[in-house]
Amino acid sequence: MKRDRNMSEAAEKQYLLILNDAPYGSERPYNALRLALTLLKQSAARVRVFLMADAVTCAIAGQETPNGYYNIERMLISIARRAEVAT
């Protein structure tokens, strides 16, 4: 019974991740998007990602990824397929 309740509680949870930093030069956008992907994979929770200030550049198509960085555009596309993304 307790397990069923926990599963239904997880389905009711909502997460809002607000990104402020530019996609490259800081690990913050990468970490936030990685968290969003993990939440989407591990639960039925509702995930929203809001890009503001310099973070709106995460949504620019055709980004050239600097050496040593993950492609933020690809991560954001994957999230947008399963969650809500707004700028």
N, C-alpha and C. Protein backbone atom coordinates (compact mmCIF):
# COMPACT_ATOMS: atom_id res chain seq x y z
N MET A 1 0.83 -1.19 0.00
CA MET A 1 0.00 0.00 0.00
C MET A 1 0.87 1.25 0.00
N LYS A 2 1.89 1.27 0.86
CA LYS A 2 2.75 2.44 0.94
C LYS A 2 3.47 2.68 -0.39
N ARG A 3 3.88 1.61 -1.04
CA ARG A 3 4.57 1.73 -2.33
C ARG A 3 3.64 2.37 -3.37
N ASP A 4 2.39 1.96 -3.41
CA ASP A 4 1.44 2.53 -4.35
C ASP A 4 1.23 4.02 -4.09
N ARG A 5 1.16 4.39 -2.82
CA ARG A 5 0.98 5.79 -2.48
C ARG A 5 2.18 6.61 -2.93
N ASN A 6 3.39 6.08 -2.72
CA ASN A 6 4.59 6.79 -3.14
C ASN A 6 4.63 6.97 -4.65
N MET A 7 4.18 5.97 -5.38
CA MET A 7 4.16 6.07 -6.84
C MET A 7 3.18 7.14 -7.29
N SER A 8 2.03 7.22 -6.65
CA SER A 8 1.06 8.23 -7.05
C SER A 8 1.53 9.63 -6.64
N GLU A 9 2.25 9.72 -5.52
CA GLU A 9 2.80 11.01 -5.11
C GLU A 9 3.83 11.50 -6.11
N ALA A 10 4.66 10.59 -6.62
CA ALA A 10 5.67 10.97 -7.61
C ALA A 10 5.01 11.47 -8.88
N ALA A 11 3.90 10.87 -9.27
CA ALA A 11 3.20 11.28 -10.48
C ALA A 11 2.61 12.68 -10.32
N GLU A 12 2.34 13.08 -9.11
CA GLU A 12 1.75 14.39 -8.87
C GLU A 12 2.80 15.49 -8.75
N LYS A 13 4.05 15.17 -8.63
CA LYS A 13 5.09 16.18 -8.43
C LYS A 13 5.36 16.95 -9.70
N GLN A 14 5.62 18.23 -9.52
CA GLN A 14 5.95 19.11 -10.63
C GLN A 14 7.28 19.79 -10.32
N TYR A 15 8.10 19.92 -11.34
CA TYR A 15 9.40 20.56 -11.17
C TYR A 15 9.53 21.70 -12.17
N LEU A 16 10.00 22.83 -11.69
CA LEU A 16 10.29 23.98 -12.54
C LEU A 16 11.76 24.31 -12.37
N LEU A 17 12.50 24.25 -13.47
CA LEU A 17 13.91 24.59 -13.46
C LEU A 17 14.08 25.90 -14.21
N ILE A 18 14.63 26.91 -13.55
CA ILE A 18 14.83 28.22 -14.16
C ILE A 18 16.32 28.38 -14.43
N LEU A 19 16.66 28.56 -15.69
CA LEU A 19 18.05 28.73 -16.08
C LEU A 19 18.30 30.19 -16.41
N ASN A 20 19.42 30.71 -15.93
CA ASN A 20 19.80 32.11 -16.15
C ASN A 20 21.10 32.25 -16.94
N ASP A 21 21.97 31.26 -16.87
CA ASP A 21 23.32 31.39 -17.43
C ASP A 21 23.37 30.98 -18.89
N ALA A 22 24.35 31.55 -19.60
CA ALA A 22 24.60 31.19 -21.00
C ALA A 22 24.98 29.70 -21.07
N PRO A 23 24.76 29.08 -22.24
CA PRO A 23 24.97 27.64 -22.33
C PRO A 23 26.40 27.18 -22.11
N TYR A 24 27.37 28.00 -22.45
CA TYR A 24 28.77 27.58 -22.31
C TYR A 24 29.53 28.62 -21.49
N GLY A 25 30.50 28.14 -20.73
CA GLY A 25 31.26 29.02 -19.85
C GLY A 25 30.94 28.76 -18.39
N SER A 26 29.84 28.06 -18.15
CA SER A 26 29.41 27.68 -16.81
C SER A 26 28.78 26.30 -16.91
N GLU A 27 28.87 25.53 -15.86
CA GLU A 27 28.24 24.20 -15.87
C GLU A 27 26.79 24.24 -15.42
N ARG A 28 26.30 25.39 -15.00
CA ARG A 28 24.94 25.47 -14.46
C ARG A 28 23.87 25.04 -15.46
N PRO A 29 23.88 25.53 -16.70
CA PRO A 29 22.84 25.08 -17.64
C PRO A 29 22.92 23.56 -17.89
N TYR A 30 24.13 23.07 -18.07
CA TYR A 30 24.31 21.63 -18.27
C TYR A 30 23.77 20.84 -17.09
N ASN A 31 24.09 21.24 -15.88
CA ASN A 31 23.62 20.52 -14.69
C ASN A 31 22.10 20.57 -14.56
N ALA A 32 21.51 21.71 -14.86
CA ALA A 32 20.04 21.83 -14.79
C ALA A 32 19.38 20.94 -15.83
N LEU A 33 19.92 20.92 -17.04
CA LEU A 33 19.33 20.10 -18.09
C LEU A 33 19.55 18.61 -17.81
N ARG A 34 20.68 18.28 -17.24
CA ARG A 34 20.93 16.89 -16.85
C ARG A 34 19.95 16.45 -15.77
N LEU A 35 19.66 17.33 -14.82
CA LEU A 35 18.66 17.04 -13.80
C LEU A 35 17.28 16.85 -14.43
N ALA A 36 16.91 17.71 -15.36
CA ALA A 36 15.62 17.59 -16.04
C ALA A 36 15.51 16.26 -16.76
N LEU A 37 16.56 15.86 -17.46
CA LEU A 37 16.54 14.57 -18.17
C LEU A 37 16.40 13.40 -17.20
N THR A 38 17.10 13.48 -16.08
CA THR A 38 17.01 12.42 -15.07
C THR A 38 15.61 12.34 -14.48
N LEU A 39 15.00 13.47 -14.18
CA LEU A 39 13.64 13.47 -13.65
C LEU A 39 12.66 12.88 -14.67
N LEU A 40 12.85 13.19 -15.92
CA LEU A 40 11.97 12.66 -16.96
C LEU A 40 12.12 11.15 -17.12
N LYS A 41 13.32 10.65 -16.93
CA LYS A 41 13.57 9.22 -17.08
C LYS A 41 13.09 8.41 -15.88
N GLN A 42 13.19 8.98 -14.68
CA GLN A 42 12.95 8.21 -13.48
C GLN A 42 11.57 8.35 -12.87
N SER A 43 10.77 9.26 -13.38
CA SER A 43 9.46 9.42 -12.77
C SER A 43 8.45 9.92 -13.79
N ALA A 44 7.22 9.89 -13.39
CA ALA A 44 6.15 10.41 -14.24
C ALA A 44 5.85 11.86 -13.89
N ALA A 45 6.78 12.50 -13.23
CA ALA A 45 6.58 13.88 -12.79
C ALA A 45 6.54 14.83 -13.98
N ARG A 46 5.93 15.96 -13.78
CA ARG A 46 5.85 17.00 -14.79
C ARG A 46 7.06 17.92 -14.64
N VAL A 47 7.78 18.13 -15.73
CA VAL A 47 9.00 18.93 -15.70
C VAL A 47 8.82 20.13 -16.63
N ARG A 48 9.18 21.29 -16.13
CA ARG A 48 9.17 22.52 -16.93
C ARG A 48 10.55 23.16 -16.83
N VAL A 49 11.02 23.66 -17.97
CA VAL A 49 12.30 24.36 -18.01
C VAL A 49 12.02 25.76 -18.55
N PHE A 50 12.44 26.76 -17.80
CA PHE A 50 12.24 28.15 -18.20
C PHE A 50 13.60 28.78 -18.43
N LEU A 51 13.81 29.30 -19.63
CA LEU A 51 15.07 29.94 -19.99
C LEU A 51 14.88 31.45 -19.93
N MET A 52 15.73 32.11 -19.15
CA MET A 52 15.64 33.56 -19.07
C MET A 52 17.04 34.16 -19.12
N ALA A 53 17.10 35.44 -19.41
CA ALA A 53 18.37 36.17 -19.50
C ALA A 53 19.30 35.48 -20.50
N ASP A 54 20.54 35.23 -20.13
CA ASP A 54 21.51 34.62 -21.05
C ASP A 54 21.17 33.19 -21.42
N ALA A 55 20.34 32.54 -20.64
CA ALA A 55 20.00 31.14 -20.90
C ALA A 55 19.15 30.96 -22.16
N VAL A 56 18.52 32.02 -22.66
CA VAL A 56 17.73 31.86 -23.89
C VAL A 56 18.62 31.45 -25.05
N THR A 57 19.91 31.73 -24.97
CA THR A 57 20.81 31.32 -26.04
C THR A 57 21.02 29.80 -26.06
N CYS A 58 20.57 29.10 -25.04
CA CYS A 58 20.61 27.63 -25.06
C CYS A 58 19.72 27.08 -26.16
N ALA A 59 18.71 27.84 -26.55
CA ALA A 59 17.72 27.38 -27.52
C ALA A 59 18.07 27.74 -28.97
N ILE A 60 19.22 28.33 -29.20
CA ILE A 60 19.62 28.68 -30.56
C ILE A 60 19.98 27.42 -31.34
N ALA A 61 19.37 27.28 -32.50
CA ALA A 61 19.64 26.10 -33.35
C ALA A 61 21.02 26.22 -34.00
N GLY A 62 21.65 25.08 -34.21
CA GLY A 62 22.93 25.04 -34.92
C GLY A 62 24.11 25.55 -34.13
N GLN A 63 24.07 25.39 -32.83
CA GLN A 63 25.17 25.85 -31.98
C GLN A 63 26.45 25.10 -32.31
N GLU A 64 27.56 25.79 -32.19
CA GLU A 64 28.85 25.13 -32.29
C GLU A 64 29.33 24.89 -30.86
N THR A 65 29.44 23.65 -30.50
CA THR A 65 29.80 23.29 -29.13
C THR A 65 31.30 23.44 -28.93
N PRO A 66 31.73 24.23 -27.94
CA PRO A 66 33.17 24.35 -27.66
C PRO A 66 33.74 23.01 -27.21
N ASN A 67 35.03 22.82 -27.43
CA ASN A 67 35.69 21.59 -26.99
C ASN A 67 35.53 21.42 -25.48
N GLY A 68 35.22 20.21 -25.08
CA GLY A 68 35.10 19.90 -23.66
C GLY A 68 33.72 20.12 -23.08
N TYR A 69 32.75 20.55 -23.89
CA TYR A 69 31.39 20.80 -23.41
C TYR A 69 30.41 19.85 -24.07
N TYR A 70 29.31 19.58 -23.37
CA TYR A 70 28.21 18.81 -23.95
C TYR A 70 27.39 19.74 -24.83
N ASN A 71 26.70 19.18 -25.81
CA ASN A 71 25.88 19.98 -26.70
C ASN A 71 24.56 20.30 -26.01
N ILE A 72 24.42 21.52 -25.56
CA ILE A 72 23.23 21.97 -24.83
C ILE A 72 21.99 21.92 -25.72
N GLU A 73 22.17 22.25 -26.99
CA GLU A 73 21.03 22.23 -27.92
C GLU A 73 20.41 20.84 -27.98
N ARG A 74 21.23 19.81 -28.12
CA ARG A 74 20.71 18.43 -28.18
C ARG A 74 19.99 18.05 -26.89
N MET A 75 20.55 18.44 -25.76
CA MET A 75 19.92 18.14 -24.48
C MET A 75 18.55 18.81 -24.39
N LEU A 76 18.49 20.06 -24.81
CA LEU A 76 17.25 20.83 -24.74
C LEU A 76 16.19 20.24 -25.69
N ILE A 77 16.60 19.79 -26.85
CA ILE A 77 15.66 19.16 -27.79
C ILE A 77 15.07 17.90 -27.17
N SER A 78 15.91 17.11 -26.53
CA SER A 78 15.43 15.89 -25.88
C SER A 78 14.43 16.21 -24.78
N ILE A 79 14.70 17.24 -24.02
CA ILE A 79 13.78 17.66 -22.95
C ILE A 79 12.48 18.18 -23.53
N ALA A 80 12.57 18.98 -24.58
CA ALA A 80 11.38 19.59 -25.19
C ALA A 80 10.41 18.54 -25.74
N ARG A 81 10.92 17.39 -26.11
CA ARG A 81 10.05 16.31 -26.60
C ARG A 81 9.18 15.73 -25.51
N ARG A 82 9.65 15.81 -24.26
CA ARG A 82 8.92 15.16 -23.16
C ARG A 82 8.48 16.10 -22.05
N ALA A 83 8.86 17.36 -22.14
CA ALA A 83 8.53 18.32 -21.07
C ALA A 83 8.15 19.65 -21.71
N GLU A 84 8.00 20.65 -20.86
CA GLU A 84 7.68 22.00 -21.34
C GLU A 84 8.92 22.87 -21.23
N VAL A 85 9.20 23.60 -22.31
CA VAL A 85 10.31 24.54 -22.33
C VAL A 85 9.76 25.89 -22.75
N ALA A 86 10.10 26.92 -22.00
CA ALA A 86 9.62 28.27 -22.33
C ALA A 86 10.76 29.26 -22.22
N THR A 87 10.66 30.33 -22.99
CA THR A 87 11.64 31.41 -22.92
C THR A 87 10.94 32.70 -22.60
